[in-house]
Amino acid sequence: MEQSLTSSAANLGATLLRLARREEELAADEAAAIPYWSSCPLSVVVHRAAAALLRAEAQRFGV
């Protein structure tokens, strides 16, 4: 039973990291679509914040 909980926690942590990477990709894609002299869109900031929160949660699961 404990091993299955450990495995589930590891799977959840890995999923959170995958989602964090996707948020970073979205942020990068959106940032690349605007000229460098333009201000950073709020959506880019939000995607980066979401990625940081997802990574922090993944760390709670030992990933």
PDB file of N, CA and C in Angstrom:
ATOM      1  N   MET A   1       0.825  -1.195   0.000  1.00  0.00           N
ATOM      2  CA  MET A   1       0.000   0.000   0.000  1.00  0.00           C
ATOM      3  C   MET A   1       0.869   1.259   0.000  1.00  0.00           C
ATOM      4  N   GLU A   2       1.893   1.271   0.862  1.00  0.00           N
ATOM      5  CA  GLU A   2       2.744   2.466   0.949  1.00  0.00           C
ATOM      6  C   GLU A   2       3.509   2.694  -0.346  1.00  0.00           C
ATOM      7  N   GLN A   3       3.927   1.615  -0.997  1.00  0.00           N
ATOM      8  CA  GLN A   3       4.651   1.765  -2.258  1.00  0.00           C
ATOM      9  C   GLN A   3       3.744   2.357  -3.330  1.00  0.00           C
ATOM     10  N   SER A   4       2.465   1.977  -3.333  1.00  0.00           N
ATOM     11  CA  SER A   4       1.551   2.540  -4.323  1.00  0.00           C
ATOM     12  C   SER A   4       1.313   4.017  -4.064  1.00  0.00           C
ATOM     13  N   LEU A   5       1.296   4.427  -2.785  1.00  0.00           N
ATOM     14  CA  LEU A   5       1.171   5.854  -2.465  1.00  0.00           C
ATOM     15  C   LEU A   5       2.410   6.618  -2.920  1.00  0.00           C
ATOM     16  N   THR A   6       3.568   6.026  -2.719  1.00  0.00           N
ATOM     17  CA  THR A   6       4.812   6.648  -3.169  1.00  0.00           C
ATOM     18  C   THR A   6       4.826   6.774  -4.683  1.00  0.00           C
ATOM     19  N   SER A   7       4.385   5.733  -5.346  1.00  0.00           N
ATOM     20  CA  SER A   7       4.326   5.741  -6.804  1.00  0.00           C
ATOM     21  C   SER A   7       3.324   6.785  -7.299  1.00  0.00           C
ATOM     22  N   SER A   8       2.188   6.863  -6.648  1.00  0.00           N
ATOM     23  CA  SER A   8       1.179   7.854  -7.026  1.00  0.00           C
ATOM     24  C   SER A   8       1.696   9.269  -6.817  1.00  0.00           C
ATOM     25  N   ALA A   9       2.401   9.494  -5.708  1.00  0.00           N
ATOM     26  CA  ALA A   9       2.965  10.814  -5.440  1.00  0.00           C
ATOM     27  C   ALA A   9       4.007  11.178  -6.493  1.00  0.00           C
ATOM     28  N   ALA A  10       4.824  10.211  -6.870  1.00  0.00           N
ATOM     29  CA  ALA A  10       5.834  10.458  -7.907  1.00  0.00           C
ATOM     30  C   ALA A  10       5.168  10.768  -9.237  1.00  0.00           C
ATOM     31  N   ASN A  11       4.109  10.033  -9.565  1.00  0.00           N
ATOM     32  CA  ASN A  11       3.379  10.292 -10.807  1.00  0.00           C
ATOM     33  C   ASN A  11       2.749  11.681 -10.794  1.00  0.00           C
ATOM     34  N   LEU A  12       2.177  12.061  -9.663  1.00  0.00           N
ATOM     35  CA  LEU A  12       1.578  13.385  -9.550  1.00  0.00           C
ATOM     36  C   LEU A  12       2.638  14.472  -9.684  1.00  0.00           C
ATOM     37  N   GLY A  13       3.772  14.275  -9.030  1.00  0.00           N
ATOM     38  CA  GLY A  13       4.862  15.240  -9.145  1.00  0.00           C
ATOM     39  C   GLY A  13       5.352  15.377 -10.570  1.00  0.00           C
ATOM     40  N   ALA A  14       5.484  14.262 -11.264  1.00  0.00           N
ATOM     41  CA  ALA A  14       5.924  14.293 -12.661  1.00  0.00           C
ATOM     42  C   ALA A  14       4.902  15.002 -13.540  1.00  0.00           C
ATOM     43  N   THR A  15       3.633  14.784 -13.270  1.00  0.00           N
ATOM     44  CA  THR A  15       2.583  15.458 -14.034  1.00  0.00           C
ATOM     45  C   THR A  15       2.625  16.959 -13.785  1.00  0.00           C
ATOM     46  N   LEU A  16       2.838  17.361 -12.548  1.00  0.00           N
ATOM     47  CA  LEU A  16       2.937  18.787 -12.236  1.00  0.00           C
ATOM     48  C   LEU A  16       4.119  19.429 -12.961  1.00  0.00           C
ATOM     49  N   LEU A  17       5.236  18.719 -13.030  1.00  0.00           N
ATOM     50  CA  LEU A  17       6.396  19.248 -13.750  1.00  0.00           C
ATOM     51  C   LEU A  17       6.121  19.345 -15.248  1.00  0.00           C
ATOM     52  N   ARG A  18       5.408  18.375 -15.787  1.00  0.00           N
ATOM     53  CA  ARG A  18       5.047  18.419 -17.203  1.00  0.00           C
ATOM     54  C   ARG A  18       4.155  19.628 -17.481  1.00  0.00           C
ATOM     55  N   LEU A  19       3.206  19.870 -16.597  1.00  0.00           N
ATOM     56  CA  LEU A  19       2.337  21.033 -16.756  1.00  0.00           C
ATOM     57  C   LEU A  19       3.115  22.339 -16.621  1.00  0.00           C
ATOM     58  N   ALA A  20       4.091  22.365 -15.716  1.00  0.00           N
ATOM     59  CA  ALA A  20       4.932  23.563 -15.553  1.00  0.00           C
ATOM     60  C   ALA A  20       5.723  23.832 -16.825  1.00  0.00           C
ATOM     61  N   ARG A  21       6.278  22.786 -17.419  1.00  0.00           N
ATOM     62  CA  ARG A  21       7.013  22.963 -18.679  1.00  0.00           C
ATOM     63  C   ARG A  21       6.095  23.493 -19.775  1.00  0.00           C
ATOM     64  N   ARG A  22       4.876  23.015 -19.813  1.00  0.00           N
ATOM     65  CA  ARG A  22       3.924  23.488 -20.821  1.00  0.00           C
ATOM     66  C   ARG A  22       3.600  24.964 -20.605  1.00  0.00           C
ATOM     67  N   GLU A  23       3.437  25.374 -19.363  1.00  0.00           N
ATOM     68  CA  GLU A  23       3.183  26.783 -19.082  1.00  0.00           C
ATOM     69  C   GLU A  23       4.363  27.646 -19.537  1.00  0.00           C
ATOM     70  N   GLU A  24       5.581  27.166 -19.305  1.00  0.00           N
ATOM     71  CA  GLU A  24       6.770  27.901 -19.760  1.00  0.00           C
ATOM     72  C   GLU A  24       6.810  27.981 -21.281  1.00  0.00           C
ATOM     73  N   GLU A  25       6.430  26.901 -21.953  1.00  0.00           N
ATOM     74  CA  GLU A  25       6.388  26.911 -23.416  1.00  0.00           C
ATOM     75  C   GLU A  25       5.370  27.923 -23.922  1.00  0.00           C
ATOM     76  N   LEU A  26       4.210  27.955 -23.300  1.00  0.00           N
ATOM     77  CA  LEU A  26       3.190  28.921 -23.694  1.00  0.00           C
ATOM     78  C   LEU A  26       3.690  30.348 -23.496  1.00  0.00           C
ATOM     79  N   ALA A  27       4.343  30.591 -22.371  1.00  0.00           N
ATOM     80  CA  ALA A  27       4.892  31.919 -22.101  1.00  0.00           C
ATOM     81  C   ALA A  27       5.926  32.298 -23.160  1.00  0.00           C
ATOM     82  N   ALA A  28       6.796  31.369 -23.488  1.00  0.00           N
ATOM     83  CA  ALA A  28       7.842  31.640 -24.480  1.00  0.00           C
ATOM     84  C   ALA A  28       7.242  31.902 -25.859  1.00  0.00           C
ATOM     85  N   ASP A  29       6.242  31.110 -26.229  1.00  0.00           N
ATOM     86  CA  ASP A  29       5.602  31.295 -27.534  1.00  0.00           C
ATOM     87  C   ASP A  29       4.920  32.661 -27.625  1.00  0.00           C
ATOM     88  N   GLU A  30       4.215  33.033 -26.563  1.00  0.00           N
ATOM     89  CA  GLU A  30       3.528  34.322 -26.569  1.00  0.00           C
ATOM     90  C   GLU A  30       4.523  35.479 -26.566  1.00  0.00           C
ATOM     91  N   ALA A  31       5.596  35.338 -25.802  1.00  0.00           N
ATOM     92  CA  ALA A  31       6.607  36.394 -25.744  1.00  0.00           C
ATOM     93  C   ALA A  31       7.311  36.546 -27.092  1.00  0.00           C
ATOM     94  N   ALA A  32       7.522  35.444 -27.791  1.00  0.00           N
ATOM     95  CA  ALA A  32       8.205  35.481 -29.078  1.00  0.00           C
ATOM     96  C   ALA A  32       7.351  36.125 -30.166  1.00  0.00           C
ATOM     97  N   ALA A  33       6.065  36.167 -29.949  1.00  0.00           N
ATOM     98  CA  ALA A  33       5.155  36.685 -30.966  1.00  0.00           C
ATOM     99  C   ALA A  33       5.047  38.209 -30.972  1.00  0.00           C
ATOM    100  N   ILE A  34       5.667  38.857 -29.998  1.00  0.00           N
ATOM    101  CA  ILE A  34       5.590  40.320 -29.943  1.00  0.00           C
ATOM    102  C   ILE A  34       6.973  40.919 -30.167  1.00  0.00           C
ATOM    103  N   PRO A  35       7.050  42.138 -30.650  1.00  0.00           N
ATOM    104  CA  PRO A  35       8.359  42.779 -30.837  1.00  0.00           C
ATOM    105  C   PRO A  35       9.073  42.962 -29.499  1.00  0.00           C
ATOM    106  N   TYR A  36      10.390  42.902 -29.531  1.00  0.00           N
ATOM    107  CA  TYR A  36      11.163  42.976 -28.292  1.00  0.00           C
ATOM    108  C   TYR A  36      10.992  44.306 -27.568  1.00  0.00           C
ATOM    109  N   TRP A  37      10.618  45.353 -28.286  1.00  0.00           N
ATOM    110  CA  TRP A  37      10.477  46.665 -27.638  1.00  0.00           C
ATOM    111  C   TRP A  37       9.106  46.829 -26.975  1.00  0.00           C
ATOM    112  N   SER A  38       8.195  45.908 -27.214  1.00  0.00           N
ATOM    113  CA  SER A  38       6.873  45.974 -26.584  1.00  0.00           C
ATOM    114  C   SER A  38       6.952  45.494 -25.143  1.00  0.00           C
ATOM    115  N   SER A  39       6.024  45.963 -24.344  1.00  0.00           N
ATOM    116  CA  SER A  39       5.991  45.490 -22.963  1.00  0.00           C
ATOM    117  C   SER A  39       5.524  44.034 -22.934  1.00  0.00           C
ATOM    118  N   CYS A  40       5.910  43.362 -21.913  1.00  0.00           N
ATOM    119  CA  CYS A  40       5.571  41.942 -21.759  1.00  0.00           C
ATOM    120  C   CYS A  40       4.066  41.807 -21.505  1.00  0.00           C
ATOM    121  N   PRO A  41       3.384  40.993 -22.285  1.00  0.00           N
ATOM    122  CA  PRO A  41       1.945  40.806 -22.057  1.00  0.00           C
ATOM    123  C   PRO A  41       1.677  40.157 -20.697  1.00  0.00           C
ATOM    124  N   LEU A  42       0.579  40.530 -20.108  1.00  0.00           N
ATOM    125  CA  LEU A  42       0.208  39.968 -18.813  1.00  0.00           C
ATOM    126  C   LEU A  42       0.075  38.452 -18.881  1.00  0.00           C
ATOM    127  N   SER A  43      -0.385  37.936 -20.011  1.00  0.00           N
ATOM    128  CA  SER A  43      -0.544  36.482 -20.135  1.00  0.00           C
ATOM    129  C   SER A  43       0.790  35.756 -19.986  1.00  0.00           C
ATOM    130  N   VAL A  44       1.877  36.364 -20.444  1.00  0.00           N
ATOM    131  CA  VAL A  44       3.207  35.764 -20.300  1.00  0.00           C
ATOM    132  C   VAL A  44       3.580  35.708 -18.821  1.00  0.00           C
ATOM    133  N   VAL A  45       3.333  36.785 -18.117  1.00  0.00           N
ATOM    134  CA  VAL A  45       3.618  36.837 -16.683  1.00  0.00           C
ATOM    135  C   VAL A  45       2.809  35.774 -15.942  1.00  0.00           C
ATOM    136  N   VAL A  46       1.548  35.635 -16.318  1.00  0.00           N
ATOM    137  CA  VAL A  46       0.671  34.659 -15.657  1.00  0.00           C
ATOM    138  C   VAL A  46       1.125  33.232 -15.949  1.00  0.00           C
ATOM    139  N   HIS A  47       1.498  32.933 -17.187  1.00  0.00           N
ATOM    140  CA  HIS A  47       1.999  31.588 -17.511  1.00  0.00           C
ATOM    141  C   HIS A  47       3.260  31.274 -16.715  1.00  0.00           C
ATOM    142  N   ARG A  48       4.148  32.245 -16.589  1.00  0.00           N
ATOM    143  CA  ARG A  48       5.384  32.024 -15.820  1.00  0.00           C
ATOM    144  C   ARG A  48       5.087  31.826 -14.341  1.00  0.00           C
ATOM    145  N   ALA A  49       4.138  32.579 -13.810  1.00  0.00           N
ATOM    146  CA  ALA A  49       3.759  32.407 -12.401  1.00  0.00           C
ATOM    147  C   ALA A  49       3.130  31.037 -12.177  1.00  0.00           C
ATOM    148  N   ALA A  50       2.288  30.617 -13.101  1.00  0.00           N
ATOM    149  CA  ALA A  50       1.669  29.292 -12.993  1.00  0.00           C
ATOM    150  C   ALA A  50       2.736  28.205 -13.016  1.00  0.00           C
ATOM    151  N   ALA A  51       3.724  28.351 -13.889  1.00  0.00           N
ATOM    152  CA  ALA A  51       4.806  27.369 -13.960  1.00  0.00           C
ATOM    153  C   ALA A  51       5.569  27.308 -12.644  1.00  0.00           C
ATOM    154  N   ALA A  52       5.843  28.458 -12.055  1.00  0.00           N
ATOM    155  CA  ALA A  52       6.571  28.487 -10.779  1.00  0.00           C
ATOM    156  C   ALA A  52       5.764  27.805  -9.673  1.00  0.00           C
ATOM    157  N   LEU A  53       4.476  28.057  -9.632  1.00  0.00           N
ATOM    158  CA  LEU A  53       3.626  27.420  -8.617  1.00  0.00           C
ATOM    159  C   LEU A  53       3.536  25.909  -8.830  1.00  0.00           C
ATOM    160  N   LEU A  54       3.426  25.487 -10.077  1.00  0.00           N
ATOM    161  CA  LEU A  54       3.377  24.051 -10.363  1.00  0.00           C
ATOM    162  C   LEU A  54       4.680  23.363  -9.960  1.00  0.00           C
ATOM    163  N   ARG A  55       5.819  24.008 -10.235  1.00  0.00           N
ATOM    164  CA  ARG A  55       7.109  23.424  -9.819  1.00  0.00           C
ATOM    165  C   ARG A  55       7.212  23.349  -8.297  1.00  0.00           C
ATOM    166  N   ALA A  56       6.729  24.368  -7.611  1.00  0.00           N
ATOM    167  CA  ALA A  56       6.762  24.357  -6.141  1.00  0.00           C
ATOM    168  C   ALA A  56       5.915  23.213  -5.588  1.00  0.00           C
ATOM    169  N   GLU A  57       4.756  22.997  -6.177  1.00  0.00           N
ATOM    170  CA  GLU A  57       3.911  21.889  -5.733  1.00  0.00           C
ATOM    171  C   GLU A  57       4.573  20.546  -6.037  1.00  0.00           C
ATOM    172  N   ALA A  58       5.229  20.430  -7.164  1.00  0.00           N
ATOM    173  CA  ALA A  58       5.911  19.177  -7.516  1.00  0.00           C
ATOM    174  C   ALA A  58       6.992  18.849  -6.488  1.00  0.00           C
ATOM    175  N   GLN A  59       7.666  19.876  -5.994  1.00  0.00           N
ATOM    176  CA  GLN A  59       8.718  19.658  -4.985  1.00  0.00           C
ATOM    177  C   GLN A  59       8.138  19.058  -3.707  1.00  0.00           C
ATOM    178  N   ARG A  60       6.904  19.389  -3.398  1.00  0.00           N
ATOM    179  CA  ARG A  60       6.249  18.821  -2.212  1.00  0.00           C
ATOM    180  C   ARG A  60       6.104  17.299  -2.326  1.00  0.00           C
ATOM    181  N   PHE A  61       6.091  16.806  -3.569  1.00  0.00           N
ATOM    182  CA  PHE A  61       5.973  15.374  -3.814  1.00  0.00           C
ATOM    183  C   PHE A  61       7.321  14.721  -4.061  1.00  0.00           C
ATOM    184  N   GLY A  62       8.382  15.452  -3.802  1.00  0.00           N
ATOM    185  CA  GLY A  62       9.714  14.892  -3.895  1.00  0.00           C
ATOM    186  C   GLY A  62      10.252  14.760  -5.297  1.00  0.00           C
ATOM    187  N   VAL A  63       9.716  15.525  -6.204  1.00  0.00           N
ATOM    188  CA  VAL A  63      10.183  15.465  -7.601  1.00  0.00           C
ATOM    189  C   VAL A  63      11.091  16.638  -7.854  1.00  0.00           C
TER     190      VAL A  63
END
